[in-house]
């Protein structure tokens, strides 16, 4: 029993895990030599999300920006642009 499991922060963490897994799974069919570096960098983004409370929120916000940038780089490279 996780007393804190129903907090907004924990619910957000679980949703982020699901979103991350979905993003990785959607990248796999498109993975190539052109976009593997962006895929590898994207896979490491969660390593930056550390801490508790406001510290974690700050790291999550920075990781979210990087997440979006790397996902766009991956898809741009996948299109061959």
Protein backbone atom coordinates (compact mmCIF):
# COMPACT_ATOMS: atom_id res chain seq x y z
CA UNK A 1 0.00 0.00 0.00
CA UNK A 2 1.44 3.27 -1.15
CA UNK A 3 -0.15 6.04 0.89
CA UNK A 4 1.21 8.64 -1.54
CA UNK A 5 0.24 6.68 -4.66
CA UNK A 6 -2.87 8.76 -5.22
CA UNK A 7 -1.14 12.14 -5.08
CA UNK A 8 -1.07 14.26 -8.21
CA UNK A 9 2.70 13.84 -8.42
CA UNK A 10 2.49 10.02 -8.38
CA UNK A 11 -0.35 9.94 -10.90
CA UNK A 12 1.71 12.21 -13.14
CA UNK A 13 4.71 9.87 -12.80
CA UNK A 14 2.66 6.85 -13.84
CA UNK A 15 1.20 8.74 -16.80
CA UNK A 16 4.69 9.82 -17.87
CA UNK A 17 5.91 6.21 -17.80
CA UNK A 18 3.04 5.19 -20.05
CA UNK A 19 3.65 8.11 -22.41
CA UNK A 20 7.38 7.29 -22.55
CA UNK A 21 6.72 3.64 -23.33
CA UNK A 22 4.27 4.60 -26.08
CA UNK A 23 6.76 7.05 -27.60
CA UNK A 24 9.57 4.47 -27.60
CA UNK A 25 7.30 1.82 -29.14
CA UNK A 26 6.22 4.22 -31.89
CA UNK A 27 9.87 5.00 -32.68
CA UNK A 28 10.99 1.39 -33.10
CA UNK A 29 9.50 0.76 -36.57
CA UNK A 30 11.11 3.98 -37.85
CA UNK A 31 14.54 3.43 -36.30
CA UNK A 32 17.45 3.72 -38.72
CA UNK A 33 21.08 4.80 -38.82
CA UNK A 34 19.90 8.36 -39.62
CA UNK A 35 17.90 8.77 -36.44
CA UNK A 36 19.51 6.40 -33.94
CA UNK A 37 21.39 9.17 -32.11
CA UNK A 38 18.17 11.10 -31.53
CA UNK A 39 16.47 7.88 -30.40
CA UNK A 40 19.27 7.11 -27.95
CA UNK A 41 19.20 10.65 -26.56
CA UNK A 42 15.42 10.46 -26.24
CA UNK A 43 15.69 7.17 -24.35
CA UNK A 44 17.98 8.87 -21.80
CA UNK A 45 15.68 11.84 -21.10
CA UNK A 46 14.03 10.25 -18.01
CA UNK A 47 17.45 10.04 -16.32
CA UNK A 48 17.24 13.81 -15.85
CA UNK A 49 13.98 13.71 -13.88
CA UNK A 50 15.14 13.56 -10.28
CA UNK A 51 14.23 14.95 -6.91
CA UNK A 52 10.99 15.62 -5.11
CA UNK A 53 8.39 18.35 -5.20
CA UNK A 54 9.45 21.60 -6.82
CA UNK A 55 12.92 20.24 -7.69
CA UNK A 56 11.40 17.34 -9.61
CA UNK A 57 8.91 19.68 -11.27
CA UNK A 58 11.77 21.88 -12.50
CA UNK A 59 13.68 18.86 -13.86
CA UNK A 60 10.51 17.52 -15.48
CA UNK A 61 9.86 20.82 -17.24
CA UNK A 62 13.40 20.85 -18.66
CA UNK A 63 13.15 17.18 -19.65
CA UNK A 64 9.81 17.83 -21.35
CA UNK A 65 11.37 20.50 -23.58
CA UNK A 66 14.22 18.17 -24.47
CA UNK A 67 11.73 15.33 -25.02
CA UNK A 68 9.81 17.38 -27.60
CA UNK A 69 12.99 18.57 -29.34
CA UNK A 70 14.49 15.08 -29.61
CA UNK A 71 11.23 13.56 -30.78
CA UNK A 72 11.04 16.15 -33.54
CA UNK A 73 14.69 15.51 -34.48
CA UNK A 74 13.99 11.78 -34.63
CA UNK A 75 11.00 12.19 -36.93
CA UNK A 76 12.78 14.75 -39.11
CA UNK A 77 15.69 12.32 -39.59
CA UNK A 78 13.25 9.45 -40.20
CA UNK A 79 11.69 11.46 -43.05
CA UNK A 80 15.18 11.98 -44.46
CA UNK A 81 15.03 15.75 -44.19
